[in-house]
């Protein structure tokens, strides 16, 4: 799944670039939406995000594209690969600015992990 975000002044840090915590929030939200669409009716929570490396600074006005694809489906959890690309204002190509893997676990009403339903094929884009 692809989703987009526009970087505005309220998203910037004291150096005038995108605040890293805002990027992580957007990644968590976008990947959770993907997981929720892939597993409708399941209560999913974030359990892990690996390799937090910001590859390039992101400037105000950039359009971010979050490319989210299933990487591994376990019995009770699913991991997605997330790659974030930035298209700077006036730019002609987008560049990769961040990538990570994020894992969600299905929980029951008491907060205990519970098996995911079995799906023959998860949604994916090219």
PDB file of N, CA and C in Angstrom:
ATOM      1  N   UNK A   1       0.851  -1.169   0.000  1.00  0.00           N
ATOM      2  CA  UNK A   1       0.000   0.000   0.000  1.00  0.00           C
ATOM      3  C   UNK A   1       0.899   1.234   0.000  1.00  0.00           C
ATOM      4  N   UNK A   2       0.498   2.243  -0.701  1.00  0.00           N
ATOM      5  CA  UNK A   2       1.182   3.531  -0.674  1.00  0.00           C
ATOM      6  C   UNK A   2       0.265   4.546   0.006  1.00  0.00           C
ATOM      7  N   UNK A   3       0.851   5.379   0.821  1.00  0.00           N
ATOM      8  CA  UNK A   3       0.130   6.491   1.405  1.00  0.00           C
ATOM      9  C   UNK A   3       1.071   7.702   1.377  1.00  0.00           C
ATOM     10  N   UNK A   4       0.514   8.892   1.528  1.00  0.00           N
ATOM     11  CA  UNK A   4       1.299  10.112   1.353  1.00  0.00           C
ATOM     12  C   UNK A   4       1.112  11.062   2.534  1.00  0.00           C
ATOM     13  N   UNK A   5       2.115  11.919   2.729  1.00  0.00           N
ATOM     14  CA  UNK A   5       2.058  12.934   3.782  1.00  0.00           C
ATOM     15  C   UNK A   5       2.783  14.177   3.272  1.00  0.00           C
ATOM     16  N   UNK A   6       2.216  15.323   3.529  1.00  0.00           N
ATOM     17  CA  UNK A   6       2.831  16.600   3.153  1.00  0.00           C
ATOM     18  C   UNK A   6       3.520  17.183   4.380  1.00  0.00           C
ATOM     19  N   UNK A   7       4.804  17.514   4.271  1.00  0.00           N
ATOM     20  CA  UNK A   7       5.565  18.082   5.394  1.00  0.00           C
ATOM     21  C   UNK A   7       5.303  19.576   5.464  1.00  0.00           C
ATOM     22  N   UNK A   8       4.798  20.018   6.629  1.00  0.00           N
ATOM     23  CA  UNK A   8       4.453  21.422   6.849  1.00  0.00           C
ATOM     24  C   UNK A   8       5.278  21.981   8.012  1.00  0.00           C
ATOM     25  N   UNK A   9       5.256  23.299   8.208  1.00  0.00           N
ATOM     26  CA  UNK A   9       6.080  23.921   9.255  1.00  0.00           C
ATOM     27  C   UNK A   9       5.886  23.319  10.652  1.00  0.00           C
ATOM     28  N   UNK A  10       4.675  22.897  10.984  1.00  0.00           N
ATOM     29  CA  UNK A  10       4.453  22.335  12.328  1.00  0.00           C
ATOM     30  C   UNK A  10       5.098  20.968  12.520  1.00  0.00           C
ATOM     31  N   UNK A  11       5.646  20.379  11.460  1.00  0.00           N
ATOM     32  CA  UNK A  11       6.308  19.072  11.535  1.00  0.00           C
ATOM     33  C   UNK A  11       7.835  19.202  11.674  1.00  0.00           C
ATOM     34  N   UNK A  12       8.341  20.432  11.677  1.00  0.00           N
ATOM     35  CA  UNK A  12       9.784  20.658  11.660  1.00  0.00           C
ATOM     36  C   UNK A  12      10.384  20.744  13.054  1.00  0.00           C
ATOM     37  N   UNK A  13      11.673  20.379  13.141  1.00  0.00           N
ATOM     38  CA  UNK A  13      12.406  20.518  14.401  1.00  0.00           C
ATOM     39  C   UNK A  13      13.042  21.908  14.471  1.00  0.00           C
ATOM     40  N   UNK A  14      13.848  22.131  15.501  1.00  0.00           N
ATOM     41  CA  UNK A  14      14.460  23.450  15.706  1.00  0.00           C
ATOM     42  C   UNK A  14      15.546  23.768  14.672  1.00  0.00           C
ATOM     43  N   UNK A  15      15.898  22.801  13.807  1.00  0.00           N
ATOM     44  CA  UNK A  15      16.844  23.042  12.715  1.00  0.00           C
ATOM     45  C   UNK A  15      16.131  23.293  11.392  1.00  0.00           C
ATOM     46  N   UNK A  16      14.796  23.261  11.418  1.00  0.00           N
ATOM     47  CA  UNK A  16      14.027  23.523  10.215  1.00  0.00           C
ATOM     48  C   UNK A  16      13.844  22.326   9.304  1.00  0.00           C
ATOM     49  N   UNK A  17      14.120  21.133   9.811  1.00  0.00           N
ATOM     50  CA  UNK A  17      13.940  19.889   9.046  1.00  0.00           C
ATOM     51  C   UNK A  17      12.866  19.043   9.739  1.00  0.00           C
ATOM     52  N   UNK A  18      12.366  18.016   9.045  1.00  0.00           N
ATOM     53  CA  UNK A  18      11.335  17.151   9.617  1.00  0.00           C
ATOM     54  C   UNK A  18      11.812  16.539  10.926  1.00  0.00           C
ATOM     55  N   UNK A  19      10.989  16.643  11.968  1.00  0.00           N
ATOM     56  CA  UNK A  19      11.268  16.056  13.274  1.00  0.00           C
ATOM     57  C   UNK A  19      11.162  14.541  13.161  1.00  0.00           C
ATOM     58  N   UNK A  20      12.193  13.812  13.600  1.00  0.00           N
ATOM     59  CA  UNK A  20      12.229  12.360  13.486  1.00  0.00           C
ATOM     60  C   UNK A  20      11.062  11.664  14.160  1.00  0.00           C
ATOM     61  N   UNK A  21      10.621  12.183  15.300  1.00  0.00           N
ATOM     62  CA  UNK A  21       9.492  11.581  16.004  1.00  0.00           C
ATOM     63  C   UNK A  21       8.205  11.656  15.201  1.00  0.00           C
ATOM     64  N   UNK A  22       8.058  12.714  14.428  1.00  0.00           N
ATOM     65  CA  UNK A  22       6.884  12.844  13.564  1.00  0.00           C
ATOM     66  C   UNK A  22       6.926  11.784  12.470  1.00  0.00           C
ATOM     67  N   UNK A  23       8.109  11.567  11.884  1.00  0.00           N
ATOM     68  CA  UNK A  23       8.264  10.529  10.860  1.00  0.00           C
ATOM     69  C   UNK A  23       7.890   9.159  11.433  1.00  0.00           C
ATOM     70  N   UNK A  24       8.371   8.853  12.629  1.00  0.00           N
ATOM     71  CA  UNK A  24       8.076   7.552  13.237  1.00  0.00           C
ATOM     72  C   UNK A  24       6.581   7.395  13.513  1.00  0.00           C
ATOM     73  N   UNK A  25       5.934   8.463  13.934  1.00  0.00           N
ATOM     74  CA  UNK A  25       4.486   8.433  14.165  1.00  0.00           C
ATOM     75  C   UNK A  25       3.752   8.125  12.865  1.00  0.00           C
ATOM     76  N   UNK A  26       4.131   8.797  11.789  1.00  0.00           N
ATOM     77  CA  UNK A  26       3.478   8.574  10.495  1.00  0.00           C
ATOM     78  C   UNK A  26       3.689   7.142  10.004  1.00  0.00           C
ATOM     79  N   UNK A  27       4.900   6.616  10.198  1.00  0.00           N
ATOM     80  CA  UNK A  27       5.193   5.237   9.792  1.00  0.00           C
ATOM     81  C   UNK A  27       4.308   4.271  10.563  1.00  0.00           C
ATOM     82  N   UNK A  28       4.208   4.454  11.866  1.00  0.00           N
ATOM     83  CA  UNK A  28       3.384   3.580  12.700  1.00  0.00           C
ATOM     84  C   UNK A  28       1.924   3.636  12.256  1.00  0.00           C
ATOM     85  N   UNK A  29       1.415   4.828  12.019  1.00  0.00           N
ATOM     86  CA  UNK A  29       0.014   4.985  11.604  1.00  0.00           C
ATOM     87  C   UNK A  29      -0.242   4.368  10.230  1.00  0.00           C
ATOM     88  N   UNK A  30       0.637   4.635   9.261  1.00  0.00           N
ATOM     89  CA  UNK A  30       0.433   4.128   7.900  1.00  0.00           C
ATOM     90  C   UNK A  30       0.524   2.608   7.865  1.00  0.00           C
ATOM     91  N   UNK A  31       1.487   2.046   8.572  1.00  0.00           N
ATOM     92  CA  UNK A  31       1.632   0.586   8.592  1.00  0.00           C
ATOM     93  C   UNK A  31       0.465  -0.056   9.341  1.00  0.00           C
ATOM     94  N   UNK A  32       0.000   0.577  10.417  1.00  0.00           N
ATOM     95  CA  UNK A  32      -1.157   0.041  11.150  1.00  0.00           C
ATOM     96  C   UNK A  32      -2.404   0.040  10.262  1.00  0.00           C
ATOM     97  N   UNK A  33      -2.600   1.103   9.483  1.00  0.00           N
ATOM     98  CA  UNK A  33      -3.755   1.134   8.570  1.00  0.00           C
ATOM     99  C   UNK A  33      -3.663   0.001   7.549  1.00  0.00           C
ATOM    100  N   UNK A  34      -2.471  -0.240   7.032  1.00  0.00           N
ATOM    101  CA  UNK A  34      -2.277  -1.334   6.084  1.00  0.00           C
ATOM    102  C   UNK A  34      -2.613  -2.667   6.738  1.00  0.00           C
ATOM    103  N   UNK A  35      -2.089  -2.890   7.938  1.00  0.00           N
ATOM    104  CA  UNK A  35      -2.357  -4.145   8.663  1.00  0.00           C
ATOM    105  C   UNK A  35      -3.846  -4.299   8.956  1.00  0.00           C
ATOM    106  N   UNK A  36      -4.499  -3.220   9.325  1.00  0.00           N
ATOM    107  CA  UNK A  36      -5.933  -3.272   9.628  1.00  0.00           C
ATOM    108  C   UNK A  36      -6.762  -3.604   8.395  1.00  0.00           C
ATOM    109  N   UNK A  37      -6.325  -3.130   7.235  1.00  0.00           N
ATOM    110  CA  UNK A  37      -7.019  -3.476   5.992  1.00  0.00           C
ATOM    111  C   UNK A  37      -6.726  -4.919   5.587  1.00  0.00           C
ATOM    112  N   UNK A  38      -5.508  -5.379   5.860  1.00  0.00           N
ATOM    113  CA  UNK A  38      -5.145  -6.760   5.543  1.00  0.00           C
ATOM    114  C   UNK A  38      -5.831  -7.768   6.470  1.00  0.00           C
ATOM    115  N   UNK A  39      -6.080  -7.364   7.710  1.00  0.00           N
ATOM    116  CA  UNK A  39      -6.695  -8.249   8.707  1.00  0.00           C
ATOM    117  C   UNK A  39      -7.896  -7.553   9.350  1.00  0.00           C
ATOM    118  N   UNK A  40      -8.975  -7.369   8.589  1.00  0.00           N
ATOM    119  CA  UNK A  40     -10.148  -6.664   9.114  1.00  0.00           C
ATOM    120  C   UNK A  40     -10.714  -7.381  10.339  1.00  0.00           C
ATOM    121  N   UNK A  41     -11.160  -6.565  11.290  1.00  0.00           N
ATOM    122  CA  UNK A  41     -11.769  -7.114  12.499  1.00  0.00           C
ATOM    123  C   UNK A  41     -10.779  -7.528  13.556  1.00  0.00           C
ATOM    124  N   UNK A  42      -9.486  -7.443  13.271  1.00  0.00           N
ATOM    125  CA  UNK A  42      -8.459  -7.830  14.246  1.00  0.00           C
ATOM    126  C   UNK A  42      -7.957  -6.598  15.000  1.00  0.00           C
ATOM    127  N   UNK A  43      -7.733  -6.760  16.296  1.00  0.00           N
ATOM    128  CA  UNK A  43      -7.142  -5.702  17.109  1.00  0.00           C
ATOM    129  C   UNK A  43      -5.626  -5.889  17.050  1.00  0.00           C
ATOM    130  N   UNK A  44      -4.937  -4.943  16.394  1.00  0.00           N
ATOM    131  CA  UNK A  44      -3.500  -5.055  16.163  1.00  0.00           C
ATOM    132  C   UNK A  44      -2.751  -3.950  16.890  1.00  0.00           C
ATOM    133  N   UNK A  45      -1.632  -4.306  17.508  1.00  0.00           N
ATOM    134  CA  UNK A  45      -0.797  -3.332  18.210  1.00  0.00           C
ATOM    135  C   UNK A  45       0.642  -3.450  17.730  1.00  0.00           C
ATOM    136  N   UNK A  46       1.353  -2.328  17.758  1.00  0.00           N
ATOM    137  CA  UNK A  46       2.756  -2.310  17.364  1.00  0.00           C
ATOM    138  C   UNK A  46       3.582  -2.980  18.447  1.00  0.00           C
ATOM    139  N   UNK A  47       4.450  -3.916  18.033  1.00  0.00           N
ATOM    140  CA  UNK A  47       5.332  -4.564  19.001  1.00  0.00           C
ATOM    141  C   UNK A  47       6.809  -4.306  18.723  1.00  0.00           C
ATOM    142  N   UNK A  48       7.149  -3.935  17.486  1.00  0.00           N
ATOM    143  CA  UNK A  48       8.562  -3.699  17.178  1.00  0.00           C
ATOM    144  C   UNK A  48       8.716  -2.866  15.919  1.00  0.00           C
ATOM    145  N   UNK A  49       9.794  -2.093  15.911  1.00  0.00           N
ATOM    146  CA  UNK A  49      10.238  -1.373  14.723  1.00  0.00           C
ATOM    147  C   UNK A  49      11.755  -1.476  14.762  1.00  0.00           C
ATOM    148  N   UNK A  50      12.361  -1.928  13.679  1.00  0.00           N
ATOM    149  CA  UNK A  50      13.813  -2.106  13.713  1.00  0.00           C
ATOM    150  C   UNK A  50      14.532  -1.058  12.873  1.00  0.00           C
ATOM    151  N   UNK A  51      15.817  -0.998  13.027  1.00  0.00           N
ATOM    152  CA  UNK A  51      16.707  -0.191  12.197  1.00  0.00           C
ATOM    153  C   UNK A  51      16.213   1.242  11.975  1.00  0.00           C
ATOM    154  N   UNK A  52      16.238   2.026  13.032  1.00  0.00           N
ATOM    155  CA  UNK A  52      15.809   3.427  12.946  1.00  0.00           C
ATOM    156  C   UNK A  52      16.997   4.257  12.447  1.00  0.00           C
ATOM    157  N   UNK A  53      17.071   4.440  11.124  1.00  0.00           N
ATOM    158  CA  UNK A  53      18.153   5.211  10.511  1.00  0.00           C
ATOM    159  C   UNK A  53      17.539   6.219   9.548  1.00  0.00           C
ATOM    160  N   UNK A  54      17.764   7.490   9.825  1.00  0.00           N
ATOM    161  CA  UNK A  54      17.293   8.553   8.936  1.00  0.00           C
ATOM    162  C   UNK A  54      18.386   8.786   7.899  1.00  0.00           C
ATOM    163  N   UNK A  55      18.117   8.461   6.638  1.00  0.00           N
ATOM    164  CA  UNK A  55      19.140   8.483   5.587  1.00  0.00           C
ATOM    165  C   UNK A  55      19.396   9.884   5.033  1.00  0.00           C
ATOM    166  N   UNK A  56      18.358  10.709   5.020  1.00  0.00           N
ATOM    167  CA  UNK A  56      18.482  12.084   4.505  1.00  0.00           C
ATOM    168  C   UNK A  56      17.533  12.982   5.285  1.00  0.00           C
ATOM    169  N   UNK A  57      17.903  14.253   5.399  1.00  0.00           N
ATOM    170  CA  UNK A  57      17.002  15.219   6.008  1.00  0.00           C
ATOM    171  C   UNK A  57      15.836  15.478   5.064  1.00  0.00           C
ATOM    172  N   UNK A  58      14.712  15.848   5.654  1.00  0.00           N
ATOM    173  CA  UNK A  58      13.519  16.139   4.860  1.00  0.00           C
ATOM    174  C   UNK A  58      13.148  17.603   5.083  1.00  0.00           C
ATOM    175  N   UNK A  59      12.983  18.336   3.983  1.00  0.00           N
ATOM    176  CA  UNK A  59      12.712  19.764   4.079  1.00  0.00           C
ATOM    177  C   UNK A  59      11.210  20.059   4.060  1.00  0.00           C
ATOM    178  N   UNK A  60      10.867  21.225   4.555  1.00  0.00           N
ATOM    179  CA  UNK A  60       9.487  21.696   4.541  1.00  0.00           C
ATOM    180  C   UNK A  60       8.950  21.696   3.111  1.00  0.00           C
ATOM    181  N   UNK A  61       7.707  21.276   2.963  1.00  0.00           N
ATOM    182  CA  UNK A  61       7.074  21.267   1.658  1.00  0.00           C
ATOM    183  C   UNK A  61       7.227  19.956   0.902  1.00  0.00           C
ATOM    184  N   UNK A  62       8.065  19.056   1.413  1.00  0.00           N
ATOM    185  CA  UNK A  62       8.254  17.764   0.746  1.00  0.00           C
ATOM    186  C   UNK A  62       6.966  16.948   0.798  1.00  0.00           C
ATOM    187  N   UNK A  63       6.786  16.120  -0.202  1.00  0.00           N
ATOM    188  CA  UNK A  63       5.701  15.137  -0.202  1.00  0.00           C
ATOM    189  C   UNK A  63       6.353  13.793   0.051  1.00  0.00           C
ATOM    190  N   UNK A  64       5.935  13.138   1.113  1.00  0.00           N
ATOM    191  CA  UNK A  64       6.479  11.829   1.466  1.00  0.00           C
ATOM    192  C   UNK A  64       5.567  10.734   0.947  1.00  0.00           C
ATOM    193  N   UNK A  65       6.183   9.681   0.412  1.00  0.00           N
ATOM    194  CA  UNK A  65       5.428   8.499   0.002  1.00  0.00           C
ATOM    195  C   UNK A  65       5.896   7.335   0.862  1.00  0.00           C
ATOM    196  N   UNK A  66       4.937   6.705   1.539  1.00  0.00           N
ATOM    197  CA  UNK A  66       5.211   5.563   2.396  1.00  0.00           C
ATOM    198  C   UNK A  66       4.822   4.303   1.624  1.00  0.00           C
ATOM    199  N   UNK A  67       5.808   3.495   1.256  1.00  0.00           N
ATOM    200  CA  UNK A  67       5.564   2.246   0.550  1.00  0.00           C
ATOM    201  C   UNK A  67       5.591   1.125   1.593  1.00  0.00           C
ATOM    202  N   UNK A  68       4.463   0.431   1.743  1.00  0.00           N
ATOM    203  CA  UNK A  68       4.313  -0.559   2.809  1.00  0.00           C
ATOM    204  C   UNK A  68       3.932  -1.897   2.198  1.00  0.00           C
ATOM    205  N   UNK A  69       4.781  -2.902   2.444  1.00  0.00           N
ATOM    206  CA  UNK A  69       4.546  -4.233   1.885  1.00  0.00           C
ATOM    207  C   UNK A  69       4.724  -5.292   2.966  1.00  0.00           C
ATOM    208  N   UNK A  70       3.883  -6.339   2.941  1.00  0.00           N
ATOM    209  CA  UNK A  70       4.064  -7.434   3.896  1.00  0.00           C
ATOM    210  C   UNK A  70       5.417  -8.097   3.687  1.00  0.00           C
ATOM    211  N   UNK A  71       6.102  -8.384   4.786  1.00  0.00           N
ATOM    212  CA  UNK A  71       7.406  -9.044   4.713  1.00  0.00           C
ATOM    213  C   UNK A  71       7.340 -10.455   5.273  1.00  0.00           C
ATOM    214  N   UNK A  72       6.646 -10.611   6.412  1.00  0.00           N
ATOM    215  CA  UNK A  72       6.562 -11.930   7.046  1.00  0.00           C
ATOM    216  C   UNK A  72       5.264 -12.022   7.851  1.00  0.00           C
ATOM    217  N   UNK A  73       4.539 -13.108   7.648  1.00  0.00           N
ATOM    218  CA  UNK A  73       3.328 -13.362   8.430  1.00  0.00           C
ATOM    219  C   UNK A  73       3.603 -14.542   9.338  1.00  0.00           C
ATOM    220  N   UNK A  74       3.466 -14.310  10.631  1.00  0.00           N
ATOM    221  CA  UNK A  74       3.605 -15.385  11.611  1.00  0.00           C
ATOM    222  C   UNK A  74       2.233 -15.854  12.051  1.00  0.00           C
ATOM    223  N   UNK A  75       2.206 -16.634  13.115  1.00  0.00           N
ATOM    224  CA  UNK A  75       0.917 -17.121  13.620  1.00  0.00           C
ATOM    225  C   UNK A  75       0.119 -16.012  14.303  1.00  0.00           C
ATOM    226  N   UNK A  76       0.833 -15.152  15.052  1.00  0.00           N
ATOM    227  CA  UNK A  76       0.162 -14.107  15.824  1.00  0.00           C
ATOM    228  C   UNK A  76       0.593 -12.698  15.430  1.00  0.00           C
ATOM    229  N   UNK A  77       1.541 -12.592  14.505  1.00  0.00           N
ATOM    230  CA  UNK A  77       2.051 -11.266  14.153  1.00  0.00           C
ATOM    231  C   UNK A  77       2.330 -11.171  12.657  1.00  0.00           C
ATOM    232  N   UNK A  78       2.439  -9.930  12.219  1.00  0.00           N
ATOM    233  CA  UNK A  78       2.791  -9.634  10.824  1.00  0.00           C
ATOM    234  C   UNK A  78       3.817  -8.521  10.815  1.00  0.00           C
ATOM    235  N   UNK A  79       4.820  -8.675   9.946  1.00  0.00           N
ATOM    236  CA  UNK A  79       5.864  -7.664   9.781  1.00  0.00           C
ATOM    237  C   UNK A  79       5.746  -7.066   8.388  1.00  0.00           C
ATOM    238  N   UNK A  80       5.819  -5.745   8.334  1.00  0.00           N
ATOM    239  CA  UNK A  80       5.781  -5.008   7.074  1.00  0.00           C
ATOM    240  C   UNK A  80       7.104  -4.301   6.859  1.00  0.00           C
ATOM    241  N   UNK A  81       7.525  -4.233   5.596  1.00  0.00           N
ATOM    242  CA  UNK A  81       8.646  -3.398   5.217  1.00  0.00           C
ATOM    243  C   UNK A  81       8.074  -2.035   4.852  1.00  0.00           C
ATOM    244  N   UNK A  82       8.662  -0.986   5.391  1.00  0.00           N
ATOM    245  CA  UNK A  82       8.231   0.380   5.092  1.00  0.00           C
ATOM    246  C   UNK A  82       9.420   1.142   4.519  1.00  0.00           C
ATOM    247  N   UNK A  83       9.238   1.694   3.326  1.00  0.00           N
ATOM    248  CA  UNK A  83      10.253   2.558   2.727  1.00  0.00           C
ATOM    249  C   UNK A  83       9.599   3.919   2.509  1.00  0.00           C
ATOM    250  N   UNK A  84      10.278   4.972   2.951  1.00  0.00           N
ATOM    251  CA  UNK A  84       9.750   6.328   2.818  1.00  0.00           C
ATOM    252  C   UNK A  84      10.595   7.079   1.793  1.00  0.00           C
ATOM    253  N   UNK A  85       9.899   7.672   0.833  1.00  0.00           N
ATOM    254  CA  UNK A  85      10.538   8.465  -0.218  1.00  0.00           C
ATOM    255  C   UNK A  85      10.083   9.914  -0.065  1.00  0.00           C
ATOM    256  N   UNK A  86      10.982  10.856  -0.379  1.00  0.00           N
ATOM    257  CA  UNK A  86      10.650  12.279  -0.323  1.00  0.00           C
ATOM    258  C   UNK A  86      10.780  12.903  -1.708  1.00  0.00           C
ATOM    259  N   UNK A  87       9.802  13.699  -2.046  1.00  0.00           N
ATOM    260  CA  UNK A  87       9.817  14.494  -3.270  1.00  0.00           C
ATOM    261  C   UNK A  87       9.851  15.950  -2.809  1.00  0.00           C
ATOM    262  N   UNK A  88      11.012  16.574  -2.898  1.00  0.00           N
ATOM    263  CA  UNK A  88      11.177  17.935  -2.392  1.00  0.00           C
ATOM    264  C   UNK A  88      10.465  18.936  -3.293  1.00  0.00           C
ATOM    265  N   UNK A  89      10.085  20.095  -2.731  1.00  0.00           N
ATOM    266  CA  UNK A  89       9.433  21.118  -3.548  1.00  0.00           C
ATOM    267  C   UNK A  89      10.303  21.473  -4.749  1.00  0.00           C
ATOM    268  N   UNK A  90       9.686  21.441  -5.929  1.00  0.00           N
ATOM    269  CA  UNK A  90      10.413  21.763  -7.149  1.00  0.00           C
ATOM    270  C   UNK A  90      11.278  20.630  -7.670  1.00  0.00           C
ATOM    271  N   UNK A  91      11.329  19.511  -6.929  1.00  0.00           N
ATOM    272  CA  UNK A  91      12.158  18.382  -7.345  1.00  0.00           C
ATOM    273  C   UNK A  91      11.522  17.619  -8.496  1.00  0.00           C
ATOM    274  N   UNK A  92      12.337  16.819  -9.157  1.00  0.00           N
ATOM    275  CA  UNK A  92      11.836  16.023 -10.281  1.00  0.00           C
ATOM    276  C   UNK A  92      11.892  14.526 -10.000  1.00  0.00           C
ATOM    277  N   UNK A  93      12.621  14.143  -8.964  1.00  0.00           N
ATOM    278  CA  UNK A  93      12.675  12.722  -8.586  1.00  0.00           C
ATOM    279  C   UNK A  93      12.556  12.620  -7.072  1.00  0.00           C
ATOM    280  N   UNK A  94      12.029  11.486  -6.628  1.00  0.00           N
ATOM    281  CA  UNK A  94      11.965  11.277  -5.189  1.00  0.00           C
ATOM    282  C   UNK A  94      13.178  10.467  -4.750  1.00  0.00           C
ATOM    283  N   UNK A  95      13.576  10.652  -3.476  1.00  0.00           N
ATOM    284  CA  UNK A  95      14.705   9.890  -2.956  1.00  0.00           C
ATOM    285  C   UNK A  95      14.275   9.163  -1.686  1.00  0.00           C
ATOM    286  N   UNK A  96      14.908   8.020  -1.457  1.00  0.00           N
ATOM    287  CA  UNK A  96      14.618   7.252  -0.245  1.00  0.00           C
ATOM    288  C   UNK A  96      15.234   7.969   0.941  1.00  0.00           C
ATOM    289  N   UNK A  97      14.404   8.239   1.967  1.00  0.00           N
ATOM    290  CA  UNK A  97      14.900   8.951   3.141  1.00  0.00           C
ATOM    291  C   UNK A  97      14.871   8.101   4.407  1.00  0.00           C
ATOM    292  N   UNK A  98      14.137   6.975   4.366  1.00  0.00           N
ATOM    293  CA  UNK A  98      14.005   6.152   5.577  1.00  0.00           C
ATOM    294  C   UNK A  98      13.473   4.784   5.182  1.00  0.00           C
ATOM    295  N   UNK A  99      13.895   3.750   5.908  1.00  0.00           N
ATOM    296  CA  UNK A  99      13.290   2.428   5.748  1.00  0.00           C
ATOM    297  C   UNK A  99      13.369   1.685   7.074  1.00  0.00           C
ATOM    298  N   UNK A 100      12.417   0.804   7.273  1.00  0.00           N
ATOM    299  CA  UNK A 100      12.377   0.012   8.505  1.00  0.00           C
ATOM    300  C   UNK A 100      11.447  -1.175   8.292  1.00  0.00           C
ATOM    301  N   UNK A 101      11.434  -2.056   9.247  1.00  0.00           N
ATOM    302  CA  UNK A 101      10.446  -3.122   9.333  1.00  0.00           C
ATOM    303  C   UNK A 101       9.663  -2.877  10.610  1.00  0.00           C
ATOM    304  N   UNK A 102       8.356  -3.054  10.541  1.00  0.00           N
ATOM    305  CA  UNK A 102       7.500  -2.822  11.705  1.00  0.00           C
ATOM    306  C   UNK A 102       6.595  -4.036  11.887  1.00  0.00           C
ATOM    307  N   UNK A 103       6.475  -4.480  13.133  1.00  0.00           N
ATOM    308  CA  UNK A 103       5.718  -5.696  13.434  1.00  0.00           C
ATOM    309  C   UNK A 103       4.521  -5.375  14.308  1.00  0.00           C
ATOM    310  N   UNK A 104       3.377  -5.967  13.938  1.00  0.00           N
ATOM    311  CA  UNK A 104       2.136  -5.842  14.696  1.00  0.00           C
ATOM    312  C   UNK A 104       1.715  -7.216  15.188  1.00  0.00           C
ATOM    313  N   UNK A 105       1.145  -7.240  16.370  1.00  0.00           N
ATOM    314  CA  UNK A 105       0.635  -8.465  16.956  1.00  0.00           C
ATOM    315  C   UNK A 105      -0.868  -8.313  17.160  1.00  0.00           C
ATOM    316  N   UNK A 106      -1.586  -9.398  16.931  1.00  0.00           N
ATOM    317  CA  UNK A 106      -3.025  -9.393  17.202  1.00  0.00           C
ATOM    318  C   UNK A 106      -3.226  -9.711  18.678  1.00  0.00           C
ATOM    319  N   UNK A 107      -4.106  -8.935  19.335  1.00  0.00           N
ATOM    320  CA  UNK A 107      -4.414  -9.191  20.742  1.00  0.00           C
ATOM    321  C   UNK A 107      -5.920  -9.362  20.909  1.00  0.00           C
ATOM    322  N   UNK A 108      -6.276 -10.039  22.007  1.00  0.00           N
ATOM    323  CA  UNK A 108      -7.693 -10.223  22.326  1.00  0.00           C
ATOM    324  C   UNK A 108      -8.150  -9.112  23.268  1.00  0.00           C
ATOM    325  N   UNK A 109      -9.370  -9.202  23.757  1.00  0.00           N
ATOM    326  CA  UNK A 109      -9.954  -8.163  24.614  1.00  0.00           C
ATOM    327  C   UNK A 109      -9.177  -7.968  25.918  1.00  0.00           C
ATOM    328  N   UNK A 110      -8.475  -9.007  26.374  1.00  0.00           N
ATOM    329  CA  UNK A 110      -7.685  -8.917  27.612  1.00  0.00           C
ATOM    330  C   UNK A 110      -6.240  -8.481  27.360  1.00  0.00           C
ATOM    331  N   UNK A 111      -5.888  -8.271  26.095  1.00  0.00           N
ATOM    332  CA  UNK A 111      -4.535  -7.829  25.766  1.00  0.00           C
ATOM    333  C   UNK A 111      -3.539  -8.951  25.545  1.00  0.00           C
ATOM    334  N   UNK A 112      -4.011 -10.182  25.438  1.00  0.00           N
ATOM    335  CA  UNK A 112      -3.136 -11.324  25.196  1.00  0.00           C
ATOM    336  C   UNK A 112      -3.015 -11.576  23.692  1.00  0.00           C
ATOM    337  N   UNK A 113      -1.836 -12.006  23.280  1.00  0.00           N
ATOM    338  CA  UNK A 113      -1.658 -12.297  21.853  1.00  0.00           C
ATOM    339  C   UNK A 113      -2.540 -13.471  21.450  1.00  0.00           C
ATOM    340  N   UNK A 114      -3.047 -13.385  20.247  1.00  0.00           N
ATOM    341  CA  UNK A 114      -3.964 -14.397  19.730  1.00  0.00           C
ATOM    342  C   UNK A 114      -3.674 -14.602  18.244  1.00  0.00           C
ATOM    343  N   UNK A 115      -3.955 -15.784  17.713  1.00  0.00           N
ATOM    344  CA  UNK A 115      -3.613 -16.053  16.310  1.00  0.00           C
ATOM    345  C   UNK A 115      -4.311 -15.135  15.311  1.00  0.00           C
ATOM    346  N   UNK A 116      -3.578 -14.827  14.257  1.00  0.00           N
ATOM    347  CA  UNK A 116      -4.140 -14.094  13.125  1.00  0.00           C
ATOM    348  C   UNK A 116      -4.990 -15.051  12.298  1.00  0.00           C
ATOM    349  N   UNK A 117      -6.013 -14.538  11.642  1.00  0.00           N
ATOM    350  CA  UNK A 117      -6.732 -15.396  10.698  1.00  0.00           C
ATOM    351  C   UNK A 117      -5.812 -15.742   9.526  1.00  0.00           C
ATOM    352  N   UNK A 118      -6.070 -16.840   8.895  1.00  0.00           N
ATOM    353  CA  UNK A 118      -5.260 -17.254   7.753  1.00  0.00           C
ATOM    354  C   UNK A 118      -5.828 -16.616   6.493  1.00  0.00           C
ATOM    355  N   UNK A 119      -4.948 -15.929   5.751  1.00  0.00           N
ATOM    356  CA  UNK A 119      -5.349 -15.302   4.494  1.00  0.00           C
ATOM    357  C   UNK A 119      -4.487 -15.895   3.383  1.00  0.00           C
ATOM    358  N   UNK A 120      -5.118 -16.261   2.288  1.00  0.00           N
ATOM    359  CA  UNK A 120      -4.381 -16.866   1.176  1.00  0.00           C
ATOM    360  C   UNK A 120      -3.401 -15.870   0.568  1.00  0.00           C
ATOM    361  N   UNK A 121      -3.802 -14.603   0.475  1.00  0.00           N
ATOM    362  CA  UNK A 121      -2.922 -13.612  -0.147  1.00  0.00           C
ATOM    363  C   UNK A 121      -3.227 -12.248   0.437  1.00  0.00           C
ATOM    364  N   UNK A 122      -2.180 -11.550   0.882  1.00  0.00           N
ATOM    365  CA  UNK A 122      -2.339 -10.189   1.374  1.00  0.00           C
ATOM    366  C   UNK A 122      -2.335  -9.232   0.200  1.00  0.00           C
ATOM    367  N   UNK A 123      -3.008  -8.091   0.378  1.00  0.00           N
ATOM    368  CA  UNK A 123      -2.987  -7.064  -0.662  1.00  0.00           C
ATOM    369  C   UNK A 123      -1.556  -6.599  -0.844  1.00  0.00           C
ATOM    370  N   UNK A 124      -1.174  -6.326  -2.049  1.00  0.00           N
ATOM    371  CA  UNK A 124       0.124  -5.709  -2.305  1.00  0.00           C
ATOM    372  C   UNK A 124       0.053  -4.973  -3.630  1.00  0.00           C
ATOM    373  N   UNK A 125       0.905  -3.980  -3.752  1.00  0.00           N
ATOM    374  CA  UNK A 125       0.989  -3.206  -4.987  1.00  0.00           C
ATOM    375  C   UNK A 125       2.323  -3.487  -5.623  1.00  0.00           C
ATOM    376  N   UNK A 126       2.292  -3.635  -6.937  1.00  0.00           N
ATOM    377  CA  UNK A 126       3.463  -3.853  -7.782  1.00  0.00           C
ATOM    378  C   UNK A 126       4.688  -4.005  -7.087  1.00  0.00           C
TER     379      UNK A 126
END
